[in-house]
Amino acid sequence: MSRTILVVEDDRDIARLLEMHLKDAGYAVIVAGDGIAGFRAASGRRFDLILLDLILPGMDGLELCRKLRERPDYTPILMLTARSGDIDRILGIETGADDYLAKPFNIRELLARVKAIFRRVEAFRSDEGIPGSGVIRAGEMAIDTEGRRVEIRGQKVSLTAKEFDLLSEFARHPGKVYTRARLLDAVWGLGYDGYEHTVNSHINRLREKIEKDPARPRFVLTVRGVGYKFADREDLKKG
């Protein structure tokens, strides 16, 4: 079955270019020319991916992303913008975008990002198809991989899209040691060379939300000189 992608882009030339190349790659494409039309389109049917411009008339990309993330169903979002500063990238990711690409972009890189997002989605779905894997339990933490919800001691923890993906990647492989480069590849996908600091900042924010004492973490542990790992049963017993 062909995947369907919603392109929310007000620049008609860019929208046509994206539509042409995405269709050539085998995807079905719907185009919306402003934020309000994009929200209506996303509310009216299910999409496999949304390519979302940051600067849009009617409703900007950040606001649209926030509204989409308030919905119970989860659709991956690849944010596009003419701005290339770190603050815009961080805002997009923190709002709930799964990836970020600055204009002007290489169409091959965009298609590679799209494929990387779909690979991660398929990996999640494959894990969810294993009996008993829909909810991952680690001590007092429960991670609902299908509903993308996290609870600790029965209390819901609010995570951004990337924080959830990061925690899920860790929790699926307790005790496995990840370098920052491996986490970038597993969670962020292609094109993030040189952004190892992104891993550090996300892990720090994740710890603030899931750890009782972030300075002495129980779940996401630092492996000195290498990277990070998720606590295994023995680590949790020690805590």
C-alpha atoms as a PDB file:
ATOM      1  CA  MET A   1       0.000   0.000   0.000  1.00  0.00           C
ATOM      2  CA  SER A   2       1.332   3.422  -0.978  1.00  0.00           C
ATOM      3  CA  ARG A   3       2.103   5.802   1.860  1.00  0.00           C
ATOM      4  CA  THR A   4       0.341   9.163   1.757  1.00  0.00           C
ATOM      5  CA  ILE A   5       2.204  12.372   2.577  1.00  0.00           C
ATOM      6  CA  LEU A   6       0.653  15.762   3.358  1.00  0.00           C
ATOM      7  CA  VAL A   7       2.768  18.699   2.156  1.00  0.00           C
ATOM      8  CA  VAL A   8       1.925  21.990   3.888  1.00  0.00           C
ATOM      9  CA  GLU A   9       3.822  24.625   1.907  1.00  0.00           C
ATOM     10  CA  ASP A  10       2.727  28.087   0.727  1.00  0.00           C
ATOM     11  CA  ASP A  11       5.456  28.479  -1.914  1.00  0.00           C
ATOM     12  CA  ARG A  12       3.821  26.979  -4.996  1.00  0.00           C
ATOM     13  CA  ASP A  13       7.104  26.236  -6.774  1.00  0.00           C
ATOM     14  CA  ILE A  14       8.497  24.339  -3.784  1.00  0.00           C
ATOM     15  CA  ALA A  15       5.172  22.563  -3.259  1.00  0.00           C
ATOM     16  CA  ARG A  16       5.117  21.410  -6.899  1.00  0.00           C
ATOM     17  CA  LEU A  17       8.745  20.293  -6.689  1.00  0.00           C
ATOM     18  CA  LEU A  18       8.061  18.259  -3.538  1.00  0.00           C
ATOM     19  CA  GLU A  19       4.898  16.780  -4.995  1.00  0.00           C
ATOM     20  CA  MET A  20       6.678  15.719  -8.192  1.00  0.00           C
ATOM     21  CA  HIS A  21       9.662  14.066  -6.499  1.00  0.00           C
ATOM     22  CA  LEU A  22       7.608  12.390  -3.778  1.00  0.00           C
ATOM     23  CA  LYS A  23       5.228  10.946  -6.383  1.00  0.00           C
ATOM     24  CA  ASP A  24       8.214   9.758  -8.430  1.00  0.00           C
ATOM     25  CA  ALA A  25       9.425   7.976  -5.278  1.00  0.00           C
ATOM     26  CA  GLY A  26       6.099   6.135  -5.062  1.00  0.00           C
ATOM     27  CA  TYR A  27       4.214   8.177  -2.477  1.00  0.00           C
ATOM     28  CA  ALA A  28       0.708   9.594  -2.734  1.00  0.00           C
ATOM     29  CA  VAL A  29       0.759  13.353  -2.069  1.00  0.00           C
ATOM     30  CA  ILE A  30      -1.787  15.916  -0.889  1.00  0.00           C
ATOM     31  CA  VAL A  31      -0.776  19.610  -0.890  1.00  0.00           C
ATOM     32  CA  ALA A  32      -2.129  22.349   1.402  1.00  0.00           C
ATOM     33  CA  GLY A  33      -1.139  25.961   0.755  1.00  0.00           C
ATOM     34  CA  ASP A  34      -1.456  27.420   4.262  1.00  0.00           C
ATOM     35  CA  GLY A  35      -1.556  26.393   7.912  1.00  0.00           C
ATOM     36  CA  ILE A  36      -5.338  26.398   8.287  1.00  0.00           C
ATOM     37  CA  ALA A  37      -5.808  24.274   5.164  1.00  0.00           C
ATOM     38  CA  GLY A  38      -3.078  21.973   6.448  1.00  0.00           C
ATOM     39  CA  PHE A  39      -4.815  21.519   9.783  1.00  0.00           C
ATOM     40  CA  ARG A  40      -8.141  20.801   8.080  1.00  0.00           C
ATOM     41  CA  ALA A  41      -6.499  18.250   5.790  1.00  0.00           C
ATOM     42  CA  ALA A  42      -4.703  16.533   8.694  1.00  0.00           C
ATOM     43  CA  SER A  43      -7.940  16.483  10.717  1.00  0.00           C
ATOM     44  CA  GLY A  44      -9.962  14.991   7.883  1.00  0.00           C
ATOM     45  CA  ARG A  45      -7.913  11.883   7.157  1.00  0.00           C
ATOM     46  CA  ARG A  46      -4.930   9.830   8.217  1.00  0.00           C
ATOM     47  CA  PHE A  47      -1.502  10.600   6.718  1.00  0.00           C
ATOM     48  CA  ASP A  48       1.710   8.603   7.023  1.00  0.00           C
ATOM     49  CA  LEU A  49       3.894  11.734   7.135  1.00  0.00           C
ATOM     50  CA  ILE A  50       3.489  15.526   7.118  1.00  0.00           C
ATOM     51  CA  LEU A  51       6.058  17.809   5.470  1.00  0.00           C
ATOM     52  CA  LEU A  52       5.452  21.096   7.248  1.00  0.00           C
ATOM     53  CA  ASP A  53       6.836  24.526   6.365  1.00  0.00           C
ATOM     54  CA  LEU A  54       7.650  26.676   9.389  1.00  0.00           C
ATOM     55  CA  ILE A  55       6.499  30.033   7.999  1.00  0.00           C
ATOM     56  CA  LEU A  56       2.906  29.793   6.742  1.00  0.00           C
ATOM     57  CA  PRO A  57      -0.026  32.177   6.322  1.00  0.00           C
ATOM     58  CA  GLY A  58      -3.076  31.655   8.511  1.00  0.00           C
ATOM     59  CA  MET A  59      -1.342  29.439  11.065  1.00  0.00           C
ATOM     60  CA  ASP A  60       2.424  29.049  11.268  1.00  0.00           C
ATOM     61  CA  GLY A  61       4.147  25.683  11.299  1.00  0.00           C
ATOM     62  CA  LEU A  62       4.963  25.700  15.014  1.00  0.00           C
ATOM     63  CA  GLU A  63       1.336  26.332  15.986  1.00  0.00           C
ATOM     64  CA  LEU A  64       0.112  23.702  13.537  1.00  0.00           C
ATOM     65  CA  CYS A  65       2.647  21.227  14.921  1.00  0.00           C
ATOM     66  CA  ARG A  66       1.452  21.924  18.480  1.00  0.00           C
ATOM     67  CA  LYS A  67      -2.179  21.377  17.507  1.00  0.00           C
ATOM     68  CA  LEU A  68      -1.361  18.115  15.747  1.00  0.00           C
ATOM     69  CA  ARG A  69       0.559  16.864  18.785  1.00  0.00           C
ATOM     70  CA  GLU A  70      -2.498  17.483  20.971  1.00  0.00           C
ATOM     71  CA  ARG A  71      -4.373  14.860  18.967  1.00  0.00           C
ATOM     72  CA  PRO A  72      -4.394  11.228  20.166  1.00  0.00           C
ATOM     73  CA  ASP A  73      -3.188   9.805  16.836  1.00  0.00           C
ATOM     74  CA  TYR A  74       0.486  10.301  16.056  1.00  0.00           C
ATOM     75  CA  THR A  75       1.724  11.309  12.608  1.00  0.00           C
ATOM     76  CA  PRO A  76       5.451  11.877  11.943  1.00  0.00           C
ATOM     77  CA  ILE A  77       6.328  15.469  11.013  1.00  0.00           C
ATOM     78  CA  LEU A  78       9.302  16.651   8.961  1.00  0.00           C
ATOM     79  CA  MET A  79       9.621  20.424   9.361  1.00  0.00           C
ATOM     80  CA  LEU A  80      10.927  22.605   6.529  1.00  0.00           C
ATOM     81  CA  THR A  81      12.086  26.185   6.931  1.00  0.00           C
ATOM     82  CA  ALA A  82      14.134  28.912   5.300  1.00  0.00           C
ATOM     83  CA  ARG A  83      15.671  29.608   8.695  1.00  0.00           C
ATOM     84  CA  SER A  84      18.801  27.662   9.583  1.00  0.00           C
ATOM     85  CA  GLY A  85      19.593  28.882  13.110  1.00  0.00           C
ATOM     86  CA  ASP A  86      19.854  26.444  16.007  1.00  0.00           C
ATOM     87  CA  ILE A  87      17.033  28.180  17.890  1.00  0.00           C
ATOM     88  CA  ASP A  88      14.569  27.457  15.084  1.00  0.00           C
ATOM     89  CA  ARG A  89      15.714  23.854  14.881  1.00  0.00           C
ATOM     90  CA  ILE A  90      15.294  23.450  18.634  1.00  0.00           C
ATOM     91  CA  LEU A  91      11.860  25.104  18.585  1.00  0.00           C
ATOM     92  CA  GLY A  92      10.703  22.768  15.838  1.00  0.00           C
ATOM     93  CA  ILE A  93      11.958  19.636  17.573  1.00  0.00           C
ATOM     94  CA  GLU A  94      10.680  20.734  20.987  1.00  0.00           C
ATOM     95  CA  THR A  95       7.237  21.454  19.523  1.00  0.00           C
ATOM     96  CA  GLY A  96       7.037  17.855  18.372  1.00  0.00           C
ATOM     97  CA  ALA A  97       8.602  17.637  14.907  1.00  0.00           C
ATOM     98  CA  ASP A  98      10.404  14.361  14.211  1.00  0.00           C
ATOM     99  CA  ASP A  99      13.011  15.905  11.952  1.00  0.00           C
ATOM    100  CA  TYR A 100      14.065  19.276  10.578  1.00  0.00           C
ATOM    101  CA  LEU A 101      15.447  20.344   7.216  1.00  0.00           C
ATOM    102  CA  ALA A 102      16.531  23.884   6.290  1.00  0.00           C
ATOM    103  CA  LYS A 103      15.914  25.437   2.880  1.00  0.00           C
ATOM    104  CA  PRO A 104      17.405  25.355   0.354  1.00  0.00           C
ATOM    105  CA  PHE A 105      17.645  21.584   0.658  1.00  0.00           C
ATOM    106  CA  ASN A 106      18.921  18.836  -1.596  1.00  0.00           C
ATOM    107  CA  ILE A 107      15.977  16.749  -2.794  1.00  0.00           C
ATOM    108  CA  ARG A 108      17.992  13.549  -2.330  1.00  0.00           C
ATOM    109  CA  GLU A 109      18.603  14.431   1.306  1.00  0.00           C
ATOM    110  CA  LEU A 110      14.907  15.157   1.810  1.00  0.00           C
ATOM    111  CA  LEU A 111      13.946  11.794   0.318  1.00  0.00           C
ATOM    112  CA  ALA A 112      16.564  10.107   2.508  1.00  0.00           C
ATOM    113  CA  ARG A 113      15.072  11.813   5.594  1.00  0.00           C
ATOM    114  CA  VAL A 114      11.591  10.662   4.568  1.00  0.00           C
ATOM    115  CA  LYS A 115      12.798   7.066   4.164  1.00  0.00           C
ATOM    116  CA  ALA A 116      14.623   7.237   7.525  1.00  0.00           C
ATOM    117  CA  ILE A 117      11.434   8.366   9.274  1.00  0.00           C
ATOM    118  CA  PHE A 118       9.452   5.519   7.697  1.00  0.00           C
ATOM    119  CA  ARG A 119      12.149   3.022   8.740  1.00  0.00           C
ATOM    120  CA  ARG A 120      11.860   4.180  12.340  1.00  0.00           C
ATOM    121  CA  VAL A 121       8.064   3.951  12.191  1.00  0.00           C
ATOM    122  CA  GLU A 122       8.272   0.402  10.848  1.00  0.00           C
ATOM    123  CA  ALA A 123      10.756  -0.534  13.573  1.00  0.00           C
ATOM    124  CA  PHE A 124       8.325   0.704  16.221  1.00  0.00           C
ATOM    125  CA  ARG A 125       5.438  -1.184  14.640  1.00  0.00           C
ATOM    126  CA  SER A 126       7.490  -4.373  14.393  1.00  0.00           C
ATOM    127  CA  ASP A 127       8.291  -4.192  18.098  1.00  0.00           C
ATOM    128  CA  GLU A 128       4.638  -3.504  18.918  1.00  0.00           C
ATOM    129  CA  GLY A 129       3.658  -6.657  17.012  1.00  0.00           C
ATOM    130  CA  ILE A 130       5.597  -8.830  19.452  1.00  0.00           C
ATOM    131  CA  PRO A 131       3.286 -10.169  22.206  1.00  0.00           C
ATOM    132  CA  GLY A 132       3.820  -8.280  25.449  1.00  0.00           C
ATOM    133  CA  SER A 133       5.941  -5.559  23.861  1.00  0.00           C
ATOM    134  CA  GLY A 134       3.238  -2.889  23.606  1.00  0.00           C
ATOM    135  CA  VAL A 135       4.055  -1.690  27.113  1.00  0.00           C
ATOM    136  CA  ILE A 136       7.640  -1.687  28.330  1.00  0.00           C
ATOM    137  CA  ARG A 137       8.043  -1.801  32.103  1.00  0.00           C
ATOM    138  CA  ALA A 138      11.181  -0.775  33.947  1.00  0.00           C
ATOM    139  CA  GLY A 139      10.812  -0.549  37.685  1.00  0.00           C
ATOM    140  CA  GLU A 140       8.041   1.964  38.391  1.00  0.00           C
ATOM    141  CA  MET A 141       8.091   3.217  34.774  1.00  0.00           C
ATOM    142  CA  ALA A 142       5.617   2.076  32.106  1.00  0.00           C
ATOM    143  CA  ILE A 143       6.134   3.048  28.450  1.00  0.00           C
ATOM    144  CA  ASP A 144       3.150   2.555  26.138  1.00  0.00           C
ATOM    145  CA  THR A 145       4.863   2.355  22.751  1.00  0.00           C
ATOM    146  CA  GLU A 146       1.629   2.315  20.746  1.00  0.00           C
ATOM    147  CA  GLY A 147      -0.084   5.157  22.599  1.00  0.00           C
ATOM    148  CA  ARG A 148       3.234   6.987  23.067  1.00  0.00           C
ATOM    149  CA  ARG A 149       2.554   7.537  26.756  1.00  0.00           C
ATOM    150  CA  VAL A 150       4.862   7.282  29.747  1.00  0.00           C
ATOM    151  CA  GLU A 151       3.850   6.876  33.381  1.00  0.00           C
ATOM    152  CA  ILE A 152       6.007   6.752  36.481  1.00  0.00           C
ATOM    153  CA  ARG A 153       4.358   5.509  39.673  1.00  0.00           C
ATOM    154  CA  GLY A 154       1.011   5.977  37.916  1.00  0.00           C
ATOM    155  CA  GLN A 155       1.688   9.620  37.035  1.00  0.00           C
ATOM    156  CA  LYS A 156       1.759  10.679  33.376  1.00  0.00           C
ATOM    157  CA  VAL A 157       5.024  12.181  32.130  1.00  0.00           C
ATOM    158  CA  SER A 158       4.783  14.703  29.285  1.00  0.00           C
ATOM    159  CA  LEU A 159       7.544  14.142  26.711  1.00  0.00           C
ATOM    160  CA  THR A 160       8.304  15.718  23.353  1.00  0.00           C
ATOM    161  CA  ALA A 161       8.346  13.485  20.280  1.00  0.00           C
ATOM    162  CA  LYS A 162      12.115  13.107  20.293  1.00  0.00           C
ATOM    163  CA  GLU A 163      12.297  12.576  24.066  1.00  0.00           C
ATOM    164  CA  PHE A 164       9.802   9.741  23.699  1.00  0.00           C
ATOM    165  CA  ASP A 165      11.708   8.222  20.768  1.00  0.00           C
ATOM    166  CA  LEU A 166      14.952   8.469  22.732  1.00  0.00           C
ATOM    167  CA  LEU A 167      13.454   6.834  25.830  1.00  0.00           C
ATOM    168  CA  SER A 168      11.827   4.089  23.751  1.00  0.00           C
ATOM    169  CA  GLU A 169      15.087   3.302  21.968  1.00  0.00           C
ATOM    170  CA  PHE A 170      16.850   2.992  25.313  1.00  0.00           C
ATOM    171  CA  ALA A 171      14.107   0.985  27.023  1.00  0.00           C
ATOM    172  CA  ARG A 172      13.868  -1.565  24.208  1.00  0.00           C
ATOM    173  CA  HIS A 173      17.544  -2.404  24.753  1.00  0.00           C
ATOM    174  CA  PRO A 174      18.275  -2.266  28.502  1.00  0.00           C
ATOM    175  CA  GLY A 175      21.965  -2.497  29.289  1.00  0.00           C
ATOM    176  CA  LYS A 176      23.025  -1.728  25.704  1.00  0.00           C
ATOM    177  CA  VAL A 177      25.653   1.017  25.576  1.00  0.00           C
ATOM    178  CA  TYR A 178      25.055   3.719  22.958  1.00  0.00           C
ATOM    179  CA  THR A 179      27.573   6.215  21.681  1.00  0.00           C
ATOM    180  CA  ARG A 180      26.194   9.651  20.849  1.00  0.00           C
ATOM    181  CA  ALA A 181      26.722   8.953  17.144  1.00  0.00           C
ATOM    182  CA  ARG A 182      24.714   5.726  17.370  1.00  0.00           C
ATOM    183  CA  LEU A 183      21.857   7.512  19.139  1.00  0.00           C
ATOM    184  CA  LEU A 184      21.841  10.207  16.463  1.00  0.00           C
ATOM    185  CA  ASP A 185      21.516   7.536  13.790  1.00  0.00           C
ATOM    186  CA  ALA A 186      18.900   5.478  15.655  1.00  0.00           C
ATOM    187  CA  VAL A 187      16.661   8.320  16.857  1.00  0.00           C
ATOM    188  CA  TRP A 188      17.296  11.317  14.596  1.00  0.00           C
ATOM    189  CA  GLY A 189      18.156   9.505  11.372  1.00  0.00           C
ATOM    190  CA  LEU A 190      20.387  10.801   8.593  1.00  0.00           C
ATOM    191  CA  GLY A 191      22.092  14.165   8.257  1.00  0.00           C
ATOM    192  CA  TYR A 192      22.932  14.961  11.879  1.00  0.00           C
ATOM    193  CA  ASP A 193      26.718  14.755  11.727  1.00  0.00           C
ATOM    194  CA  GLY A 194      28.298  17.165  14.181  1.00  0.00           C
ATOM    195  CA  TYR A 195      25.210  17.414  16.373  1.00  0.00           C
ATOM    196  CA  GLU A 196      26.329  15.144  19.221  1.00  0.00           C
ATOM    197  CA  HIS A 197      25.501  17.994  21.625  1.00  0.00           C
ATOM    198  CA  THR A 198      21.845  17.462  20.637  1.00  0.00           C
ATOM    199  CA  VAL A 199      21.981  14.060  22.350  1.00  0.00           C
ATOM    200  CA  ASN A 200      23.379  15.569  25.541  1.00  0.00           C
ATOM    201  CA  SER A 201      20.731  18.282  25.742  1.00  0.00           C
ATOM    202  CA  HIS A 202      17.869  15.861  25.058  1.00  0.00           C
ATOM    203  CA  ILE A 203      19.125  13.398  27.652  1.00  0.00           C
ATOM    204  CA  ASN A 204      19.454  16.189  30.213  1.00  0.00           C
ATOM    205  CA  ARG A 205      15.844  17.280  29.562  1.00  0.00           C
ATOM    206  CA  LEU A 206      14.658  13.665  29.592  1.00  0.00           C
ATOM    207  CA  ARG A 207      16.302  13.078  32.955  1.00  0.00           C
ATOM    208  CA  GLU A 208      14.652  16.194  34.366  1.00  0.00           C
ATOM    209  CA  LYS A 209      11.289  14.626  33.538  1.00  0.00           C
ATOM    210  CA  ILE A 210      11.780  10.959  34.437  1.00  0.00           C
ATOM    211  CA  GLU A 211      14.382  10.914  37.198  1.00  0.00           C
ATOM    212  CA  LYS A 212      13.593  11.605  40.837  1.00  0.00           C
ATOM    213  CA  ASP A 213      17.101  13.034  41.173  1.00  0.00           C
ATOM    214  CA  PRO A 214      18.531  13.943  37.723  1.00  0.00           C
ATOM    215  CA  ALA A 215      22.011  14.276  39.259  1.00  0.00           C
ATOM    216  CA  ARG A 216      21.810  10.600  40.288  1.00  0.00           C
ATOM    217  CA  PRO A 217      19.819   8.955  37.474  1.00  0.00           C
ATOM    218  CA  ARG A 218      18.284   5.494  37.839  1.00  0.00           C
ATOM    219  CA  PHE A 219      17.009   4.951  34.306  1.00  0.00           C
ATOM    220  CA  VAL A 220      19.278   6.639  31.753  1.00  0.00           C
ATOM    221  CA  LEU A 221      22.842   6.053  32.899  1.00  0.00           C
ATOM    222  CA  THR A 222      26.107   7.589  31.722  1.00  0.00           C
ATOM    223  CA  VAL A 223      28.855   5.215  30.635  1.00  0.00           C
ATOM    224  CA  ARG A 224      32.002   7.261  31.118  1.00  0.00           C
ATOM    225  CA  GLY A 225      34.090   7.735  28.004  1.00  0.00           C
ATOM    226  CA  VAL A 226      31.523   5.982  25.788  1.00  0.00           C
ATOM    227  CA  GLY A 227      27.966   7.291  25.998  1.00  0.00           C
ATOM    228  CA  TYR A 228      24.740   6.170  27.660  1.00  0.00           C
ATOM    229  CA  LYS A 229      22.670   3.113  28.445  1.00  0.00           C
ATOM    230  CA  PHE A 230      19.273   2.277  29.917  1.00  0.00           C
ATOM    231  CA  ALA A 231      19.302   0.579  33.284  1.00  0.00           C
ATOM    232  CA  ASP A 232      18.857  -3.186  33.267  1.00  0.00           C
ATOM    233  CA  ARG A 233      17.111  -5.086  36.072  1.00  0.00           C
ATOM    234  CA  GLU A 234      20.262  -5.313  38.156  1.00  0.00           C
ATOM    235  CA  ASP A 235      20.839  -1.562  37.850  1.00  0.00           C
ATOM    236  CA  LEU A 236      17.249  -0.862  38.967  1.00  0.00           C
ATOM    237  CA  LYS A 237      17.604  -3.199  41.939  1.00  0.00           C
ATOM    238  CA  LYS A 238      20.693  -1.268  43.029  1.00  0.00           C
ATOM    239  CA  GLY A 239      18.689   1.983  42.821  1.00  0.00           C
END
